[in-house]
Every structure is written in structure tokens, then in C-alpha cells.
Amino acid sequence: MKLNILIAGLILIGHPLLAQESKTTSHNLYIGLSNALGNFYGGDISLDYIHNNKLSFHFTYHRFERKDPALPNDYSGGLVDLFTFGENYPNERLESIAFLGGMVFPYKGSKKGRWNLRAGFAYSKFRKPFDYKKVDSGVIGNLFVGNYNWQFSKAESMSLILKPELEIAFFRHFGIGIHTNLIYNKDAFIVGLGVCLKFGFVRGKLAN
């Protein structure tokens, strides 16, 4: 919630400053909300800036998860999983704050479309469950707290990200994007396709 408010504030503050140069240059400043599927699933929230339909800058927070391949077949999380919305579910998880830069190219055949080719680095946190131990708390106990205990191993490191995207700015303040996620981290390699909704100043001089 705090991140949403921060990004909205940056857009409101930045728009009057950008508008001063609107006669000679083109600016785009917008928020992106995306979901992605692949060998991991998840999504991100981002703040994007495009200068003169050429240079692209992308600041984002993303979170990707997947079921632990070593999860026992008879695992049951009990009602605790429901009450915590799966927060303590034994899955692999990568969370990152990333900054990407890139180039923008027109999409042939559409004045509203553009290719946004970006790459960059991220500070990432990765967790992975291990040391599963079966517990017997009785029928009632297992119903509430599950039938296994485990621990999480945690690591922090840098990630390399490639994120090419086809953006379609249907309107001045709304558009969509279809992108590929390629994230390399020493603990995980993530590949997937995502769809992004974009809100803000999605089109610059193209809207005139």
C-alpha cells in the first residue's frame, strides 16, 4: 500500500515538471501492474519513464514463487495456511527491487504500439524450505497446524534481468503490455510471460 502511494505521488509531482518541455520533447510516466506465469508465478508493480520515445527507465518490485519440488506428497498445511493466506506455505520465493534501462522502438503497423527492450540488475531475496519433519499432533492438531514442520534457508544476492515488452498505448492514460521475464539469480532462474496494465501518462506526443 505504501509503495502504491509513493508511486502515485511521484507521478503527480513529476507531471508538471515534464509538461514544461512538452512542446519540444515527448515524455511518458506511468505505473505498471503485471502478472506472469512460467516456471515461477507472480507479478510486479513498476514505475516507468520513457524519454522522447527512445530511452526507457524501469523501476520495479517483483515477487515470484513456485511449489517446492521437494515438498512431501502427503503434505497438509492445515487451516493455518488459510488464515495466513499461504504466507508460510513451503514454497520457493524470489523478491527483488530492480532498476532497468533500455531502448524504445516503434511497432510497425501501429502508431499506438512500441517495443520496450530493457535490461538491468536487481537486489534479490530468495527463500527455500528444507528439513521437512513429519509431526503427529492428532487429527485435530494436524487439521489446524498441518502435518509437517520445516525451516527456510534465506539468501540475498544480485540478479540479472532481461525484460523485452510490446506496449500498446490504447489511450493517453491507459495501455497494456506483453512481456517476457528472464531473471538470473544464483539460486533461481526464472522464465515466463506476463501481461501488464499501465496507468498514467502512457502516451506523449503520440496523443496529439
Protein backbone atom coordinates (compact mmCIF):
# COMPACT_ATOMS: atom_id res chain seq x y z
CA MET A 1 0.00 0.00 0.00
CA LYS A 2 2.82 2.42 0.88
CA LEU A 3 4.54 1.59 -2.41
CA ASN A 4 1.36 2.39 -4.36
CA ILE A 5 1.05 5.77 -2.62
CA LEU A 6 4.73 6.57 -3.27
CA ILE A 7 4.49 5.82 -6.98
CA ALA A 8 1.26 7.80 -7.35
CA GLY A 9 2.93 10.73 -5.60
CA LEU A 10 5.92 10.62 -7.94
CA ILE A 11 3.62 10.79 -10.94
CA LEU A 12 1.65 13.74 -9.56
CA ILE A 13 4.84 15.63 -8.71
CA GLY A 14 6.68 14.78 -11.90
CA HIS A 15 3.95 15.61 -14.43
CA PRO A 16 4.06 19.43 -14.08
CA LEU A 17 7.85 19.38 -14.48
CA LEU A 18 7.68 17.23 -17.58
CA ALA A 19 4.89 19.32 -19.08
CA GLN A 20 7.22 22.33 -19.29
CA GLU A 21 9.12 20.65 -22.12
CA SER A 22 6.11 19.10 -23.84
CA LYS A 23 6.41 21.38 -26.89
CA THR A 24 9.79 20.02 -27.91
CA THR A 25 10.06 16.62 -26.28
CA SER A 26 7.88 13.63 -25.52
CA HIS A 27 7.56 12.14 -22.03
CA ASN A 28 5.83 9.08 -20.68
CA LEU A 29 5.50 8.41 -16.95
CA TYR A 30 3.22 5.63 -15.76
CA ILE A 31 2.59 2.79 -13.33
CA GLY A 32 2.54 -0.85 -14.40
CA LEU A 33 0.77 -3.74 -12.64
CA SER A 34 1.57 -7.17 -14.06
CA ASN A 35 1.11 -10.89 -13.57
CA ALA A 36 3.36 -13.54 -15.07
CA LEU A 37 3.43 -17.31 -15.47
CA GLY A 38 6.31 -19.64 -16.24
CA ASN A 39 8.49 -21.93 -14.19
CA PHE A 40 7.57 -19.50 -11.37
CA TYR A 41 4.38 -17.44 -10.98
CA GLY A 42 4.00 -13.93 -9.63
CA GLY A 43 3.99 -10.32 -10.70
CA ASP A 44 5.32 -6.84 -10.16
CA ILE A 45 4.49 -3.19 -9.65
CA SER A 46 6.62 -0.73 -11.57
CA LEU A 47 7.26 2.92 -12.32
CA ASP A 48 8.25 3.59 -15.93
CA TYR A 49 9.65 6.63 -17.70
CA ILE A 50 10.25 7.00 -21.44
CA HIS A 51 12.09 9.98 -22.89
CA ASN A 52 11.42 11.08 -26.48
CA ASN A 53 10.15 7.60 -27.39
CA LYS A 54 13.78 6.42 -27.33
CA LEU A 55 15.17 5.92 -23.82
CA SER A 56 13.40 3.77 -21.24
CA PHE A 57 13.82 3.52 -17.47
CA HIS A 58 12.04 0.93 -15.35
CA PHE A 59 11.96 0.77 -11.52
CA THR A 60 10.11 -2.24 -10.13
CA TYR A 61 9.36 -4.53 -7.22
CA HIS A 62 8.56 -8.11 -8.15
CA ARG A 63 7.78 -11.35 -6.34
CA PHE A 64 7.83 -14.83 -7.89
CA GLU A 65 7.05 -18.17 -6.26
CA ARG A 66 6.74 -21.85 -7.05
CA LYS A 67 5.92 -25.05 -5.22
CA ASP A 68 8.98 -26.61 -3.64
CA PRO A 69 9.97 -29.64 -5.77
CA ALA A 70 10.91 -31.48 -2.54
CA LEU A 71 7.52 -30.95 -0.90
CA PRO A 72 6.30 -34.31 0.55
CA ASN A 73 3.36 -35.81 -1.33
CA ASP A 74 1.30 -36.14 1.83
CA TYR A 75 1.91 -32.55 2.99
CA SER A 76 -1.05 -30.75 4.54
CA GLY A 77 -0.78 -27.20 5.80
CA GLY A 78 -3.98 -27.27 7.80
CA LEU A 79 -6.17 -24.25 8.42
CA VAL A 80 -3.11 -22.14 9.24
CA ASP A 81 -2.43 -21.86 5.50
CA LEU A 82 -5.87 -20.34 5.04
CA PHE A 83 -5.58 -17.91 7.93
CA THR A 84 -2.15 -16.66 6.77
CA PHE A 85 -3.16 -16.58 3.05
CA GLY A 86 -0.36 -19.01 2.25
CA GLU A 87 2.37 -16.70 3.56
CA ASN A 88 4.04 -19.58 5.43
CA TYR A 89 3.43 -22.17 2.73
CA PRO A 90 6.66 -24.08 1.97
CA ASN A 91 7.40 -22.66 -1.46
CA GLU A 92 10.43 -21.16 -3.15
CA ARG A 93 10.21 -17.37 -3.38
CA LEU A 94 12.25 -14.64 -5.04
CA GLU A 95 11.60 -10.98 -4.17
CA SER A 96 13.53 -8.16 -5.82
CA ILE A 97 13.85 -4.43 -6.22
CA ALA A 98 15.18 -3.75 -9.70
CA PHE A 99 16.29 -0.93 -11.98
CA LEU A 100 16.33 -1.48 -15.75
CA GLY A 101 17.22 0.71 -18.70
CA GLY A 102 16.66 0.24 -22.37
CA MET A 103 15.64 1.48 -25.80
CA VAL A 104 12.23 2.05 -27.36
CA PHE A 105 11.42 1.23 -31.00
CA PRO A 106 8.20 1.77 -32.95
CA TYR A 107 5.97 -1.19 -33.63
CA LYS A 108 5.42 -1.36 -37.36
CA GLY A 109 1.83 -1.03 -38.44
CA SER A 110 0.58 0.67 -35.27
CA LYS A 111 1.06 4.25 -34.08
CA LYS A 112 -0.05 3.16 -30.61
CA GLY A 113 2.45 0.31 -30.25
CA ARG A 114 6.13 0.27 -29.30
CA TRP A 115 8.83 -2.21 -28.37
CA ASN A 116 10.40 -1.51 -24.97
CA LEU A 117 13.63 -3.52 -24.72
CA ARG A 118 15.09 -3.38 -21.20
CA ALA A 119 17.81 -4.99 -19.12
CA GLY A 120 19.22 -4.33 -15.68
CA PHE A 121 20.05 -5.54 -12.21
CA ALA A 122 18.13 -6.27 -9.04
CA TYR A 123 18.75 -6.74 -5.35
CA SER A 124 17.02 -10.02 -4.55
CA LYS A 125 16.00 -12.10 -1.57
CA PHE A 126 15.45 -15.83 -2.06
CA ARG A 127 13.99 -18.37 0.34
CA LYS A 128 13.71 -22.14 0.06
CA PRO A 129 12.19 -24.64 2.52
CA PHE A 130 14.23 -27.59 3.78
CA ASP A 131 14.44 -30.15 6.58
CA TYR A 132 10.87 -31.44 6.42
CA LYS A 133 9.88 -33.36 9.55
CA LYS A 134 6.57 -35.12 9.87
CA VAL A 135 4.67 -34.44 13.07
CA ASP A 136 1.76 -36.26 14.65
CA SER A 137 -0.40 -33.85 16.62
CA GLY A 138 -3.51 -35.95 16.34
CA VAL A 139 -6.38 -35.43 13.93
CA ILE A 140 -7.44 -32.09 15.43
CA GLY A 141 -3.88 -30.76 15.71
CA ASN A 142 -2.96 -31.65 12.13
CA LEU A 143 -6.23 -30.15 10.92
CA PHE A 144 -5.19 -26.76 12.29
CA VAL A 145 -1.37 -26.63 12.03
CA GLY A 146 -0.62 -29.24 9.36
CA ASN A 147 1.40 -32.43 9.45
CA TYR A 148 4.94 -31.17 8.72
CA ASN A 149 7.49 -28.80 10.21
CA TRP A 150 10.29 -27.29 8.14
CA GLN A 151 12.80 -24.46 8.01
CA PHE A 152 13.56 -21.78 5.44
CA SER A 153 17.03 -21.15 4.05
CA LYS A 154 17.40 -17.49 3.05
CA ALA A 155 19.89 -15.73 0.80
CA GLU A 156 20.45 -12.24 -0.59
CA SER A 157 22.24 -11.54 -3.86
CA MET A 158 22.11 -9.65 -7.15
CA SER A 159 20.04 -10.73 -10.15
CA LEU A 160 20.38 -10.04 -13.86
CA ILE A 161 17.10 -9.23 -15.63
CA LEU A 162 16.05 -9.08 -19.28
CA LYS A 163 12.53 -7.77 -19.88
CA PRO A 164 11.55 -7.08 -23.51
CA GLU A 165 7.97 -5.86 -23.83
CA LEU A 166 5.45 -4.96 -26.51
CA GLU A 167 3.46 -1.99 -25.20
CA ILE A 168 0.18 -0.82 -26.72
CA ALA A 169 -0.99 2.61 -25.56
CA PHE A 170 -4.69 2.42 -26.41
CA PHE A 171 -5.37 5.78 -24.76
CA ARG A 172 -3.35 8.65 -23.37
CA HIS A 173 -3.67 7.35 -19.82
CA PHE A 174 -4.12 3.60 -20.30
CA GLY A 175 -2.37 0.79 -22.11
CA ILE A 176 -1.29 -2.83 -21.86
CA GLY A 177 1.97 -4.68 -22.28
CA ILE A 178 3.01 -8.25 -23.08
CA HIS A 179 6.49 -9.07 -21.84
CA THR A 180 8.98 -11.84 -21.28
CA ASN A 181 10.68 -12.25 -17.89
CA LEU A 182 14.21 -13.60 -17.82
CA ILE A 183 15.71 -13.41 -14.33
CA TYR A 184 19.03 -15.00 -13.49
CA ASN A 185 19.95 -15.37 -9.82
CA LYS A 186 22.48 -17.72 -8.26
CA ASP A 187 19.60 -19.50 -6.51
CA ALA A 188 16.95 -19.42 -9.24
CA PHE A 189 16.46 -18.95 -12.97
CA ILE A 190 13.03 -17.59 -13.85
CA VAL A 191 11.47 -17.67 -17.32
CA GLY A 192 7.92 -16.58 -18.01
CA LEU A 193 5.40 -14.49 -19.94
CA GLY A 194 3.49 -11.62 -18.39
CA VAL A 195 0.64 -9.22 -19.08
CA CYS A 196 0.80 -5.68 -17.68
CA LEU A 197 -1.83 -2.96 -17.22
CA LYS A 198 -0.41 0.55 -17.49
CA PHE A 199 -1.89 3.68 -15.92
CA GLY A 200 -0.66 7.25 -16.06
CA PHE A 201 0.88 9.25 -18.91
CA VAL A 202 1.25 6.27 -21.20
CA ARG A 203 1.43 8.31 -24.42
CA GLY A 204 3.28 11.55 -25.01
CA LYS A 205 3.21 13.45 -28.29
CA LEU A 206 1.55 10.45 -29.94
CA ALA A 207 -1.67 11.61 -28.28
CA ASN A 208 -1.63 15.00 -30.03
